[in-house]
């Protein structure tokens, strides 16, 4: 395993429980902090956004 891959794996092992704990306490956060947490959770796929269907599934233009 490469050094970068090992570092990424270690980061994910440590950060996932922290992010999930923050998710439980998001009601205590400022709106901008809540949005930042949501963005990270979506990026890391730690929250379920459902399975897109049809045209949403293969959308190539994120602006539309």
PDB file of N, CA and C in Angstrom:
ATOM      1  N   UNK A   1       0.856  -1.172   0.000  1.00  0.00           N
ATOM      2  CA  UNK A   1       0.000   0.000   0.000  1.00  0.00           C
ATOM      3  C   UNK A   1       0.903   1.236   0.000  1.00  0.00           C
ATOM      4  N   UNK A   2       0.574   2.181  -0.835  1.00  0.00           N
ATOM      5  CA  UNK A   2       1.384   3.394  -0.931  1.00  0.00           C
ATOM      6  C   UNK A   2       1.225   4.246   0.329  1.00  0.00           C
ATOM      7  N   UNK A   3       2.178   5.134   0.519  1.00  0.00           N
ATOM      8  CA  UNK A   3       2.147   6.014   1.691  1.00  0.00           C
ATOM      9  C   UNK A   3       0.899   6.898   1.685  1.00  0.00           C
ATOM     10  N   UNK A   4       0.543   7.438   0.502  1.00  0.00           N
ATOM     11  CA  UNK A   4      -0.653   8.290   0.408  1.00  0.00           C
ATOM     12  C   UNK A   4      -1.919   7.503   0.721  1.00  0.00           C
ATOM     13  N   UNK A   5      -1.994   6.293   0.210  1.00  0.00           N
ATOM     14  CA  UNK A   5      -3.175   5.454   0.455  1.00  0.00           C
ATOM     15  C   UNK A   5      -3.284   5.119   1.944  1.00  0.00           C
ATOM     16  N   UNK A   6      -2.171   4.823   2.557  1.00  0.00           N
ATOM     17  CA  UNK A   6      -2.151   4.515   3.977  1.00  0.00           C
ATOM     18  C   UNK A   6      -2.592   5.724   4.809  1.00  0.00           C
ATOM     19  N   UNK A   7      -2.100   6.896   4.442  1.00  0.00           N
ATOM     20  CA  UNK A   7      -2.481   8.121   5.154  1.00  0.00           C
ATOM     21  C   UNK A   7      -3.972   8.400   4.993  1.00  0.00           C
ATOM     22  N   UNK A   8      -4.498   8.196   3.795  1.00  0.00           N
ATOM     23  CA  UNK A   8      -5.933   8.412   3.546  1.00  0.00           C
ATOM     24  C   UNK A   8      -6.766   7.437   4.374  1.00  0.00           C
ATOM     25  N   UNK A   9      -6.356   6.204   4.434  1.00  0.00           N
ATOM     26  CA  UNK A   9      -7.097   5.207   5.204  1.00  0.00           C
ATOM     27  C   UNK A   9      -7.090   5.556   6.695  1.00  0.00           C
ATOM     28  N   UNK A  10      -5.948   5.975   7.210  1.00  0.00           N
ATOM     29  CA  UNK A  10      -5.852   6.380   8.612  1.00  0.00           C
ATOM     30  C   UNK A  10      -6.744   7.587   8.888  1.00  0.00           C
ATOM     31  N   UNK A  11      -6.714   8.570   7.979  1.00  0.00           N
ATOM     32  CA  UNK A  11      -7.569   9.755   8.119  1.00  0.00           C
ATOM     33  C   UNK A  11      -9.033   9.364   8.205  1.00  0.00           C
ATOM     34  N   UNK A  12      -9.472   8.486   7.329  1.00  0.00           N
ATOM     35  CA  UNK A  12     -10.880   8.086   7.320  1.00  0.00           C
ATOM     36  C   UNK A  12     -11.256   7.311   8.582  1.00  0.00           C
ATOM     37  N   UNK A  13     -10.363   6.486   9.072  1.00  0.00           N
ATOM     38  CA  UNK A  13     -10.653   5.729  10.296  1.00  0.00           C
ATOM     39  C   UNK A  13     -10.836   6.665  11.491  1.00  0.00           C
ATOM     40  N   UNK A  14     -10.054   7.705  11.549  1.00  0.00           N
ATOM     41  CA  UNK A  14     -10.136   8.641  12.674  1.00  0.00           C
ATOM     42  C   UNK A  14     -11.253   9.653  12.498  1.00  0.00           C
ATOM     43  N   UNK A  15     -11.484  10.113  11.283  1.00  0.00           N
ATOM     44  CA  UNK A  15     -12.432  11.213  11.103  1.00  0.00           C
ATOM     45  C   UNK A  15     -13.885  10.767  11.050  1.00  0.00           C
ATOM     46  N   UNK A  16     -14.180   9.583  10.590  1.00  0.00           N
ATOM     47  CA  UNK A  16     -15.564   9.145  10.461  1.00  0.00           C
ATOM     48  C   UNK A  16     -16.308   9.182  11.796  1.00  0.00           C
ATOM     49  N   UNK A  17     -15.781   8.604  12.877  1.00  0.00           N
ATOM     50  CA  UNK A  17     -16.507   8.699  14.152  1.00  0.00           C
ATOM     51  C   UNK A  17     -16.691  10.146  14.629  1.00  0.00           C
ATOM     52  N   UNK A  18     -15.698  10.987  14.370  1.00  0.00           N
ATOM     53  CA  UNK A  18     -15.802  12.396  14.769  1.00  0.00           C
ATOM     54  C   UNK A  18     -16.918  13.079  13.986  1.00  0.00           C
ATOM     55  N   UNK A  19     -16.979  12.837  12.683  1.00  0.00           N
ATOM     56  CA  UNK A  19     -18.025  13.436  11.861  1.00  0.00           C
ATOM     57  C   UNK A  19     -19.414  12.958  12.289  1.00  0.00           C
ATOM     58  N   UNK A  20     -19.542  11.690  12.601  1.00  0.00           N
ATOM     59  CA  UNK A  20     -20.837  11.170  13.021  1.00  0.00           C
ATOM     60  C   UNK A  20     -21.251  11.738  14.381  1.00  0.00           C
ATOM     61  N   UNK A  21     -20.299  11.977  15.249  1.00  0.00           N
ATOM     62  CA  UNK A  21     -20.592  12.624  16.534  1.00  0.00           C
ATOM     63  C   UNK A  21     -21.060  14.070  16.304  1.00  0.00           C
ATOM     64  N   UNK A  22     -20.393  14.766  15.389  1.00  0.00           N
ATOM     65  CA  UNK A  22     -20.816  16.133  15.059  1.00  0.00           C
ATOM     66  C   UNK A  22     -22.230  16.136  14.492  1.00  0.00           C
ATOM     67  N   UNK A  23     -22.563  15.128  13.685  1.00  0.00           N
ATOM     68  CA  UNK A  23     -23.900  15.021  13.111  1.00  0.00           C
ATOM     69  C   UNK A  23     -24.953  14.953  14.218  1.00  0.00           C
ATOM     70  N   UNK A  24     -24.650  14.231  15.293  1.00  0.00           N
ATOM     71  CA  UNK A  24     -25.588  14.130  16.411  1.00  0.00           C
ATOM     72  C   UNK A  24     -25.753  15.457  17.139  1.00  0.00           C
ATOM     73  N   UNK A  25     -24.752  16.322  17.065  1.00  0.00           N
ATOM     74  CA  UNK A  25     -24.789  17.602  17.780  1.00  0.00           C
ATOM     75  C   UNK A  25     -25.029  18.795  16.848  1.00  0.00           C
ATOM     76  N   UNK A  26     -25.441  18.521  15.612  1.00  0.00           N
ATOM     77  CA  UNK A  26     -25.573  19.615  14.653  1.00  0.00           C
ATOM     78  C   UNK A  26     -26.615  20.647  15.072  1.00  0.00           C
ATOM     79  N   UNK A  27     -27.577  20.257  15.901  1.00  0.00           N
ATOM     80  CA  UNK A  27     -28.594  21.216  16.356  1.00  0.00           C
ATOM     81  C   UNK A  27     -27.980  22.330  17.214  1.00  0.00           C
ATOM     82  N   UNK A  28     -26.759  22.121  17.718  1.00  0.00           N
ATOM     83  CA  UNK A  28     -26.080  23.123  18.532  1.00  0.00           C
ATOM     84  C   UNK A  28     -25.214  24.068  17.694  1.00  0.00           C
ATOM     85  N   UNK A  29     -25.119  23.817  16.404  1.00  0.00           N
ATOM     86  CA  UNK A  29     -24.200  24.569  15.536  1.00  0.00           C
ATOM     87  C   UNK A  29     -24.878  25.773  14.893  1.00  0.00           C
ATOM     88  N   UNK A  30     -24.035  26.706  14.462  1.00  0.00           N
ATOM     89  CA  UNK A  30     -24.507  27.823  13.646  1.00  0.00           C
ATOM     90  C   UNK A  30     -24.916  27.287  12.279  1.00  0.00           C
ATOM     91  N   UNK A  31     -25.817  27.993  11.587  1.00  0.00           N
ATOM     92  CA  UNK A  31     -26.253  27.517  10.267  1.00  0.00           C
ATOM     93  C   UNK A  31     -25.098  27.279   9.284  1.00  0.00           C
ATOM     94  N   UNK A  32     -24.117  28.154   9.261  1.00  0.00           N
ATOM     95  CA  UNK A  32     -22.999  27.961   8.321  1.00  0.00           C
ATOM     96  C   UNK A  32     -22.182  26.721   8.679  1.00  0.00           C
ATOM     97  N   UNK A  33     -22.029  26.450   9.971  1.00  0.00           N
ATOM     98  CA  UNK A  33     -21.310  25.245  10.401  1.00  0.00           C
ATOM     99  C   UNK A  33     -22.095  23.986  10.061  1.00  0.00           C
ATOM    100  N   UNK A  34     -23.426  24.051  10.213  1.00  0.00           N
ATOM    101  CA  UNK A  34     -24.263  22.902   9.842  1.00  0.00           C
ATOM    102  C   UNK A  34     -24.150  22.601   8.362  1.00  0.00           C
ATOM    103  N   UNK A  35     -24.145  23.664   7.539  1.00  0.00           N
ATOM    104  CA  UNK A  35     -24.036  23.467   6.094  1.00  0.00           C
ATOM    105  C   UNK A  35     -22.686  22.862   5.729  1.00  0.00           C
ATOM    106  N   UNK A  36     -21.629  23.330   6.371  1.00  0.00           N
ATOM    107  CA  UNK A  36     -20.291  22.776   6.114  1.00  0.00           C
ATOM    108  C   UNK A  36     -20.245  21.297   6.492  1.00  0.00           C
ATOM    109  N   UNK A  37     -20.849  20.941   7.621  1.00  0.00           N
ATOM    110  CA  UNK A  37     -20.895  19.538   8.033  1.00  0.00           C
ATOM    111  C   UNK A  37     -21.673  18.712   7.019  1.00  0.00           C
ATOM    112  N   UNK A  38     -22.820  19.221   6.569  1.00  0.00           N
ATOM    113  CA  UNK A  38     -23.610  18.506   5.563  1.00  0.00           C
ATOM    114  C   UNK A  38     -22.795  18.264   4.296  1.00  0.00           C
ATOM    115  N   UNK A  39     -22.051  19.281   3.874  1.00  0.00           N
ATOM    116  CA  UNK A  39     -21.234  19.147   2.669  1.00  0.00           C
ATOM    117  C   UNK A  39     -20.191  18.042   2.823  1.00  0.00           C
ATOM    118  N   UNK A  40     -19.552  18.003   3.985  1.00  0.00           N
ATOM    119  CA  UNK A  40     -18.531  16.973   4.227  1.00  0.00           C
ATOM    120  C   UNK A  40     -19.175  15.594   4.292  1.00  0.00           C
ATOM    121  N   UNK A  41     -20.309  15.483   4.972  1.00  0.00           N
ATOM    122  CA  UNK A  41     -20.983  14.193   5.072  1.00  0.00           C
ATOM    123  C   UNK A  41     -21.425  13.694   3.702  1.00  0.00           C
ATOM    124  N   UNK A  42     -21.913  14.593   2.870  1.00  0.00           N
ATOM    125  CA  UNK A  42     -22.291  14.200   1.514  1.00  0.00           C
ATOM    126  C   UNK A  42     -21.073  13.762   0.716  1.00  0.00           C
ATOM    127  N   UNK A  43     -20.010  14.518   0.810  1.00  0.00           N
ATOM    128  CA  UNK A  43     -18.793  14.181   0.079  1.00  0.00           C
ATOM    129  C   UNK A  43     -18.251  12.825   0.509  1.00  0.00           C
ATOM    130  N   UNK A  44     -18.289  12.566   1.789  1.00  0.00           N
ATOM    131  CA  UNK A  44     -17.779  11.308   2.322  1.00  0.00           C
ATOM    132  C   UNK A  44     -18.804  10.175   2.212  1.00  0.00           C
ATOM    133  N   UNK A  45     -20.008  10.517   1.760  1.00  0.00           N
ATOM    134  CA  UNK A  45     -21.101   9.563   1.620  1.00  0.00           C
ATOM    135  C   UNK A  45     -21.451   8.885   2.938  1.00  0.00           C
ATOM    136  N   UNK A  46     -21.442   9.683   4.011  1.00  0.00           N
ATOM    137  CA  UNK A  46     -21.790   9.165   5.328  1.00  0.00           C
ATOM    138  C   UNK A  46     -23.263   9.357   5.649  1.00  0.00           C
ATOM    139  N   UNK A  47     -23.981  10.063   4.773  1.00  0.00           N
ATOM    140  CA  UNK A  47     -25.427  10.173   4.946  1.00  0.00           C
ATOM    141  C   UNK A  47     -26.092   9.659   3.678  1.00  0.00           C
ATOM    142  N   UNK A  48     -27.252   9.113   3.826  1.00  0.00           N
ATOM    143  CA  UNK A  48     -27.967   8.519   2.712  1.00  0.00           C
ATOM    144  C   UNK A  48     -28.809   9.583   2.019  1.00  0.00           C
ATOM    145  N   UNK A  49     -28.485   9.855   0.762  1.00  0.00           N
ATOM    146  CA  UNK A  49     -29.254  10.836  -0.001  1.00  0.00           C
ATOM    147  C   UNK A  49     -30.231  10.160  -0.951  1.00  0.00           C
ATOM    148  N   UNK A  50     -30.342   8.850  -0.851  1.00  0.00           N
ATOM    149  CA  UNK A  50     -31.230   8.119  -1.738  1.00  0.00           C
ATOM    150  C   UNK A  50     -30.523   7.763  -3.029  1.00  0.00           C
ATOM    151  N   UNK A  51     -31.192   7.030  -3.855  1.00  0.00           N
ATOM    152  CA  UNK A  51     -30.629   6.590  -5.123  1.00  0.00           C
ATOM    153  C   UNK A  51     -31.317   7.351  -6.250  1.00  0.00           C
ATOM    154  N   UNK A  52     -30.596   8.246  -6.941  1.00  0.00           N
ATOM    155  CA  UNK A  52     -31.242   9.004  -8.020  1.00  0.00           C
ATOM    156  C   UNK A  52     -31.690   8.078  -9.147  1.00  0.00           C
ATOM    157  N   UNK A  53     -32.770   8.474  -9.800  1.00  0.00           N
ATOM    158  CA  UNK A  53     -33.298   7.673 -10.893  1.00  0.00           C
ATOM    159  C   UNK A  53     -33.429   8.527 -12.141  1.00  0.00           C
ATOM    160  N   UNK A  54     -33.592   7.871 -13.254  1.00  0.00           N
ATOM    161  CA  UNK A  54     -33.845   8.553 -14.514  1.00  0.00           C
ATOM    162  C   UNK A  54     -32.771   9.553 -14.895  1.00  0.00           C
ATOM    163  N   UNK A  55     -33.205  10.745 -15.326  1.00  0.00           N
ATOM    164  CA  UNK A  55     -32.269  11.753 -15.806  1.00  0.00           C
ATOM    165  C   UNK A  55     -31.351  12.256 -14.692  1.00  0.00           C
ATOM    166  N   UNK A  56     -31.802  12.196 -13.447  1.00  0.00           N
ATOM    167  CA  UNK A  56     -30.972  12.646 -12.319  1.00  0.00           C
ATOM    168  C   UNK A  56     -29.735  11.759 -12.160  1.00  0.00           C
ATOM    169  N   UNK A  57     -29.861  10.508 -12.527  1.00  0.00           N
ATOM    170  CA  UNK A  57     -28.782   9.556 -12.316  1.00  0.00           C
ATOM    171  C   UNK A  57     -27.550   9.867 -13.146  1.00  0.00           C
ATOM    172  N   UNK A  58     -27.745  10.334 -14.368  1.00  0.00           N
ATOM    173  CA  UNK A  58     -26.611  10.581 -15.262  1.00  0.00           C
ATOM    174  C   UNK A  58     -26.464  12.043 -15.619  1.00  0.00           C
ATOM    175  N   UNK A  59     -26.837  12.887 -14.718  1.00  0.00           N
ATOM    176  CA  UNK A  59     -26.747  14.319 -14.968  1.00  0.00           C
ATOM    177  C   UNK A  59     -25.278  14.699 -15.128  1.00  0.00           C
ATOM    178  N   UNK A  60     -24.935  15.301 -16.260  1.00  0.00           N
ATOM    179  CA  UNK A  60     -23.544  15.686 -16.521  1.00  0.00           C
ATOM    180  C   UNK A  60     -23.288  17.136 -16.203  1.00  0.00           C
ATOM    181  N   UNK A  61     -24.341  17.940 -16.161  1.00  0.00           N
ATOM    182  CA  UNK A  61     -24.179  19.360 -15.867  1.00  0.00           C
ATOM    183  C   UNK A  61     -24.703  19.639 -14.468  1.00  0.00           C
ATOM    184  N   UNK A  62     -23.810  19.809 -13.483  1.00  0.00           N
ATOM    185  CA  UNK A  62     -24.269  20.012 -12.102  1.00  0.00           C
ATOM    186  C   UNK A  62     -25.064  21.294 -11.906  1.00  0.00           C
ATOM    187  N   UNK A  63     -24.942  22.258 -12.824  1.00  0.00           N
ATOM    188  CA  UNK A  63     -25.658  23.527 -12.685  1.00  0.00           C
ATOM    189  C   UNK A  63     -27.130  23.404 -13.042  1.00  0.00           C
ATOM    190  N   UNK A  64     -27.489  22.391 -13.797  1.00  0.00           N
ATOM    191  CA  UNK A  64     -28.896  22.278 -14.238  1.00  0.00           C
ATOM    192  C   UNK A  64     -29.749  21.478 -13.292  1.00  0.00           C
TER     193      UNK A  64
END
